[in-house]
Amino acid sequence: MSQTLLALFSLPSPPSPNIFEVGPIVLSYHGLLIALGIAVGTWLTARELARRGYDGALALGSLFFVVPLGVVGGRLYHVVTEYHRYTRNPFPKVLEVYEGGIGIYGAVAGGFLGLLLFSWYRAINPLTFADAAAPGLALGQAIGRWGNYFNQELFGRPSDLPWAIDIAPQNRPVQYADATTFHPTFLYEAMWAVLLCLLLLWVARRFSERLKAGDVFVLYVCLYSVGRFFLETLRIDTAFVIGSSIRGNLFVSGALTLGFALLLLLRHSRSSRIRSKSG
């Protein structure tokens, strides 16, 4: 009976990371899902902008600023934190984004810079734009994370849970060569991102009169980092290390959680003091 349940709920190993290959042209599931995530995130951002009284078409126009700078920021984060991979042959290796290596925190930071530039260009409030984009960003991440499933990457420690994922021998870390199933941390992150998207949409509507411009985006960074912190305790992929054993992204996630939670608290505690004095 247990073996039957395991077969029903476990994630099978995908047959190939690519949809098709024609000569040098390769269409990968990872690339397709990232593109789909951007499209869905842009659609949701357009709806949120329209709800706030802006032209929803601004979401599409912003992509020309947000996506390129997001890719640059994500790549810089990866190269800086994984610099040992590029010291011997920095060029053109650091430019080979198609080989993988985009850090989500760098991508968000770069994308935010692109959003600032676009907002300045179109003379709109960048914090309001960021609030409108935050739920779509979370939903886009949830979709894009499924690309890691097809690449058989970013999984966690060995696990015999019913929903554990089968990983092909060539994709297993050397120290876990004898294990066959692992925690699907990409799935956990995708689920957390969907919940985060729904929560941000609810907060933006339920507390609209009490929120300041930028609060929804601050909440996104804080709560995404909470989930990422716990996921980093499960992941076993190669990552930059602080000290002798602390995963760098574990430290970054913890710091961002505390920092942005404090920022949100200070923004509203200060406004509460101002209201009490005026009253």
Protein backbone atom coordinates (compact mmCIF):
# COMPACT_ATOMS: atom_id res chain seq x y z
CA MET A 1 0.00 0.00 0.00
CA SER A 2 2.79 2.46 0.93
CA GLN A 3 4.58 1.75 -2.35
CA THR A 4 1.36 2.48 -4.26
CA LEU A 5 0.94 5.83 -2.49
CA LEU A 6 4.58 6.63 -3.15
CA ALA A 7 4.12 5.95 -6.85
CA LEU A 8 0.98 8.10 -6.99
CA PHE A 9 2.35 11.19 -5.24
CA SER A 10 6.09 11.21 -5.95
CA LEU A 11 7.38 13.52 -8.66
CA PRO A 12 8.91 11.57 -11.56
CA SER A 13 12.22 12.60 -13.03
CA PRO A 14 11.58 14.63 -16.23
CA PRO A 15 12.86 12.95 -19.41
CA SER A 16 14.62 16.03 -20.84
CA PRO A 17 15.17 19.71 -20.00
CA ASN A 18 14.45 20.67 -23.62
CA ILE A 19 11.20 20.76 -25.58
CA PHE A 20 12.94 20.42 -28.93
CA GLU A 21 16.31 20.95 -30.61
CA VAL A 22 16.81 21.91 -34.25
CA GLY A 23 20.49 22.37 -35.00
CA PRO A 24 21.78 25.20 -32.79
CA ILE A 25 18.21 26.25 -31.86
CA VAL A 26 17.11 24.85 -28.51
CA LEU A 27 13.82 25.57 -26.74
CA SER A 28 14.11 24.63 -23.09
CA TYR A 29 11.33 24.21 -20.55
CA HIS A 30 13.25 26.52 -18.23
CA GLY A 31 13.33 29.35 -20.75
CA LEU A 32 9.69 28.83 -21.71
CA LEU A 33 8.52 28.87 -18.09
CA ILE A 34 10.52 32.01 -17.31
CA ALA A 35 8.93 33.72 -20.32
CA LEU A 36 5.50 32.52 -19.20
CA GLY A 37 6.17 33.79 -15.67
CA ILE A 38 7.10 37.22 -17.03
CA ALA A 39 3.95 37.30 -19.18
CA VAL A 40 1.61 36.30 -16.35
CA GLY A 41 3.35 38.64 -13.90
CA THR A 42 3.01 41.52 -16.38
CA TRP A 43 -0.69 40.76 -16.86
CA LEU A 44 -1.32 40.84 -13.10
CA THR A 45 0.74 44.02 -12.72
CA ALA A 46 -1.35 45.69 -15.43
CA ARG A 47 -4.53 44.78 -13.54
CA GLU A 48 -3.14 46.15 -10.27
CA LEU A 49 -2.03 49.37 -11.98
CA ALA A 50 -5.50 49.82 -13.48
CA ARG A 51 -7.06 49.26 -10.06
CA ARG A 52 -4.89 52.09 -8.72
CA GLY A 53 -5.98 54.43 -11.51
CA TYR A 54 -2.98 54.05 -13.83
CA ASP A 55 -2.87 52.88 -17.43
CA GLY A 56 -2.34 49.11 -17.33
CA ALA A 57 -0.25 49.32 -20.52
CA LEU A 58 2.54 50.80 -18.38
CA ALA A 59 3.28 47.29 -17.16
CA LEU A 60 4.21 46.18 -20.68
CA GLY A 61 6.28 49.27 -21.36
CA SER A 62 8.23 48.83 -18.14
CA LEU A 63 9.57 45.46 -19.33
CA PHE A 64 12.10 47.22 -21.58
CA PHE A 65 13.68 48.65 -18.42
CA VAL A 66 12.93 45.99 -15.81
CA VAL A 67 13.86 42.79 -17.64
CA PRO A 68 17.32 43.79 -18.97
CA LEU A 69 18.40 45.33 -15.66
CA GLY A 70 16.91 42.37 -13.80
CA VAL A 71 19.03 39.98 -15.86
CA VAL A 72 22.14 42.12 -15.30
CA GLY A 73 21.47 42.37 -11.55
CA GLY A 74 20.79 38.65 -11.24
CA ARG A 75 23.95 37.80 -13.14
CA LEU A 76 26.08 40.20 -11.10
CA TYR A 77 24.76 38.68 -7.87
CA HIS A 78 25.62 35.20 -9.12
CA VAL A 79 29.11 36.13 -10.36
CA VAL A 80 30.01 38.06 -7.20
CA THR A 81 28.83 35.28 -4.88
CA GLU A 82 30.29 32.51 -7.05
CA TYR A 83 33.44 34.36 -8.18
CA HIS A 84 35.66 31.30 -7.74
CA ARG A 85 33.99 29.77 -10.82
CA TYR A 86 35.18 32.63 -13.03
CA THR A 87 38.65 33.56 -11.73
CA ARG A 88 40.50 31.39 -14.25
CA ASN A 89 38.43 32.28 -17.30
CA PRO A 90 36.31 35.36 -16.54
CA PHE A 91 35.50 36.20 -20.16
CA PRO A 92 33.35 35.17 -21.85
CA LYS A 93 32.13 32.92 -19.00
CA VAL A 94 30.60 35.74 -16.96
CA LEU A 95 28.48 36.69 -19.98
CA GLU A 96 27.13 33.19 -20.68
CA VAL A 97 23.76 33.70 -18.99
CA TYR A 98 22.25 30.93 -21.13
CA GLU A 99 24.38 28.45 -19.17
CA GLY A 100 22.52 29.38 -15.99
CA GLY A 101 23.40 31.52 -13.02
CA ILE A 102 20.85 34.21 -12.16
CA GLY A 103 20.48 35.14 -8.48
CA ILE A 104 16.90 36.04 -7.58
CA TYR A 105 17.88 38.73 -5.10
CA GLY A 106 20.13 40.41 -7.65
CA ALA A 107 17.38 40.12 -10.26
CA VAL A 108 14.86 41.81 -7.95
CA ALA A 109 17.35 44.58 -7.11
CA GLY A 110 18.20 45.14 -10.79
CA GLY A 111 14.55 45.02 -11.77
CA PHE A 112 13.71 47.57 -9.09
CA LEU A 113 16.37 49.87 -10.50
CA GLY A 114 14.76 49.46 -13.93
CA LEU A 115 11.38 50.26 -12.37
CA LEU A 116 12.82 53.46 -10.85
CA LEU A 117 14.19 54.54 -14.22
CA PHE A 118 10.93 53.78 -16.01
CA SER A 119 8.90 55.59 -13.33
CA TRP A 120 11.16 58.64 -13.67
CA TYR A 121 10.80 58.50 -17.46
CA ARG A 122 6.99 58.30 -17.27
CA ALA A 123 6.70 60.62 -14.23
CA ILE A 124 4.80 58.17 -12.02
CA ASN A 125 5.24 57.21 -8.37
CA PRO A 126 7.82 54.36 -8.32
CA LEU A 127 6.66 53.02 -4.95
CA THR A 128 3.07 52.76 -6.14
CA PHE A 129 4.33 50.99 -9.27
CA ALA A 130 6.38 48.61 -7.09
CA ASP A 131 3.31 47.82 -5.00
CA ALA A 132 1.34 46.98 -8.15
CA ALA A 133 4.17 44.79 -9.43
CA ALA A 134 4.83 42.82 -6.23
CA PRO A 135 1.99 40.24 -6.51
CA GLY A 136 2.79 39.66 -10.19
CA LEU A 137 6.47 39.26 -9.35
CA ALA A 138 5.64 36.56 -6.80
CA LEU A 139 3.35 34.74 -9.23
CA GLY A 140 5.94 34.94 -12.00
CA GLN A 141 8.53 33.43 -9.66
CA ALA A 142 6.16 30.57 -8.86
CA ILE A 143 5.83 29.73 -12.55
CA GLY A 144 9.51 30.17 -13.36
CA ARG A 145 10.60 27.89 -10.52
CA TRP A 146 9.12 24.92 -12.39
CA GLY A 147 11.96 25.28 -14.85
CA ASN A 148 14.20 23.91 -12.10
CA TYR A 149 12.10 20.75 -12.13
CA PHE A 150 12.88 20.09 -15.78
CA ASN A 151 16.56 20.88 -15.20
CA GLN A 152 16.64 18.60 -12.14
CA GLU A 153 18.27 21.31 -10.03
CA LEU A 154 17.77 23.23 -6.78
CA PHE A 155 16.39 20.22 -4.94
CA GLY A 156 16.90 19.58 -1.24
CA ARG A 157 18.23 16.86 1.01
CA PRO A 158 17.38 13.19 0.42
CA SER A 159 13.83 12.37 1.42
CA ASP A 160 11.46 9.42 1.40
CA LEU A 161 8.34 11.56 1.67
CA PRO A 162 5.56 10.64 -0.80
CA TRP A 163 6.09 13.85 -2.81
CA ALA A 164 9.89 13.55 -3.02
CA ILE A 165 11.35 13.92 -6.50
CA ASP A 166 13.34 11.30 -8.37
CA ILE A 167 16.70 12.69 -9.49
CA ALA A 168 18.74 11.01 -12.23
CA PRO A 169 22.15 9.71 -11.07
CA GLN A 170 24.11 12.22 -13.18
CA ASN A 171 22.35 15.13 -11.46
CA ARG A 172 22.90 14.00 -7.88
CA PRO A 173 25.65 15.56 -5.75
CA VAL A 174 28.58 13.19 -5.26
CA GLN A 175 27.96 12.89 -1.52
CA TYR A 176 24.37 11.77 -2.20
CA ALA A 177 25.06 9.44 -5.11
CA ASP A 178 23.30 6.55 -3.37
CA ALA A 179 20.09 8.51 -2.70
CA THR A 180 17.31 8.44 -5.29
CA THR A 181 14.61 10.85 -4.07
CA PHE A 182 15.01 14.36 -2.67
CA HIS A 183 12.99 17.25 -1.26
CA PRO A 184 11.50 19.23 -4.21
CA THR A 185 12.50 22.61 -2.80
CA PHE A 186 11.64 24.31 -6.10
CA LEU A 187 8.05 23.08 -5.54
CA TYR A 188 8.03 24.39 -1.97
CA GLU A 189 9.22 27.78 -3.18
CA ALA A 190 6.63 27.85 -5.98
CA MET A 191 3.84 27.08 -3.50
CA TRP A 192 5.12 29.74 -1.11
CA ALA A 193 5.25 32.29 -3.93
CA VAL A 194 1.63 31.56 -4.94
CA LEU A 195 0.49 31.99 -1.33
CA LEU A 196 2.53 35.19 -1.12
CA CYS A 197 0.87 36.53 -4.28
CA LEU A 198 -2.60 35.87 -2.85
CA LEU A 199 -1.65 37.40 0.50
CA LEU A 200 -0.29 40.57 -1.12
CA LEU A 201 -3.45 40.96 -3.20
CA TRP A 202 -5.58 40.56 -0.07
CA VAL A 203 -3.49 43.02 1.98
CA ALA A 204 -3.54 45.60 -0.84
CA ARG A 205 -7.36 45.51 -0.82
CA ARG A 206 -8.15 44.90 2.84
CA PHE A 207 -5.83 47.61 4.21
CA SER A 208 -5.76 50.02 1.27
CA GLU A 209 -6.61 53.04 3.43
CA ARG A 210 -3.84 52.34 5.94
CA LEU A 211 -1.04 51.36 3.58
CA LYS A 212 1.69 53.73 2.45
CA ALA A 213 3.13 53.65 -1.04
CA GLY A 214 5.79 50.95 -1.07
CA ASP A 215 4.35 48.87 1.79
CA VAL A 216 3.20 45.99 -0.42
CA PHE A 217 6.64 45.71 -2.04
CA VAL A 218 8.38 45.87 1.35
CA LEU A 219 6.06 43.12 2.58
CA TYR A 220 6.88 41.05 -0.51
CA VAL A 221 10.63 41.21 0.12
CA CYS A 222 10.16 40.44 3.82
CA LEU A 223 7.84 37.45 3.39
CA TYR A 224 9.59 35.99 0.36
CA SER A 225 12.81 36.06 2.39
CA VAL A 226 11.09 34.24 5.27
CA GLY A 227 10.22 31.35 2.96
CA ARG A 228 13.62 31.42 1.29
CA PHE A 229 15.34 31.28 4.70
CA PHE A 230 13.69 27.99 5.57
CA LEU A 231 14.22 26.57 2.08
CA GLU A 232 17.94 27.29 2.31
CA THR A 233 18.13 24.96 5.32
CA LEU A 234 16.99 22.12 3.03
CA ARG A 235 18.93 22.87 -0.16
CA ILE A 236 22.14 21.01 -0.94
CA ASP A 237 23.16 22.65 -4.21
CA THR A 238 26.49 24.45 -4.40
CA ALA A 239 26.27 27.95 -2.94
CA PHE A 240 28.58 30.61 -1.64
CA VAL A 241 29.50 30.14 1.99
CA ILE A 242 30.01 32.72 4.72
CA GLY A 243 32.52 31.69 7.34
CA SER A 244 33.08 27.95 7.29
CA SER A 245 29.60 26.52 6.84
CA ILE A 246 26.81 29.15 6.62
CA ARG A 247 25.07 29.24 3.24
CA GLY A 248 25.31 32.78 1.94
CA ASN A 249 21.69 32.93 0.79
CA LEU A 250 20.61 31.80 4.25
CA PHE A 251 22.36 34.82 5.72
CA VAL A 252 21.02 37.17 3.01
CA SER A 253 17.46 35.91 3.49
CA GLY A 254 17.65 36.34 7.25
CA ALA A 255 19.09 39.84 6.95
CA LEU A 256 16.44 40.92 4.44
CA THR A 257 13.63 39.46 6.55
CA LEU A 258 14.72 41.39 9.62
CA GLY A 259 15.68 44.54 7.72
CA PHE A 260 12.45 44.89 5.75
CA ALA A 261 10.29 43.91 8.73
CA LEU A 262 11.98 46.68 10.70
CA LEU A 263 11.50 49.10 7.81
CA LEU A 264 7.77 48.32 7.67
CA LEU A 265 7.48 48.72 11.44
CA LEU A 266 9.33 52.04 11.48
CA ARG A 267 7.28 53.45 8.61
CA HIS A 268 4.05 52.85 10.50
CA SER A 269 5.22 53.54 14.02
CA ARG A 270 6.42 56.99 12.91
CA SER A 271 3.10 57.77 11.23
CA SER A 272 1.27 56.60 14.37
CA ARG A 273 3.29 59.02 16.51
CA ILE A 274 2.54 61.88 14.09
CA ARG A 275 -1.19 61.14 14.22
CA SER A 276 -1.17 60.96 18.02
CA LYS A 277 0.57 64.33 18.29
CA SER A 278 -1.78 65.99 15.83
CA GLY A 279 -4.75 64.54 17.67
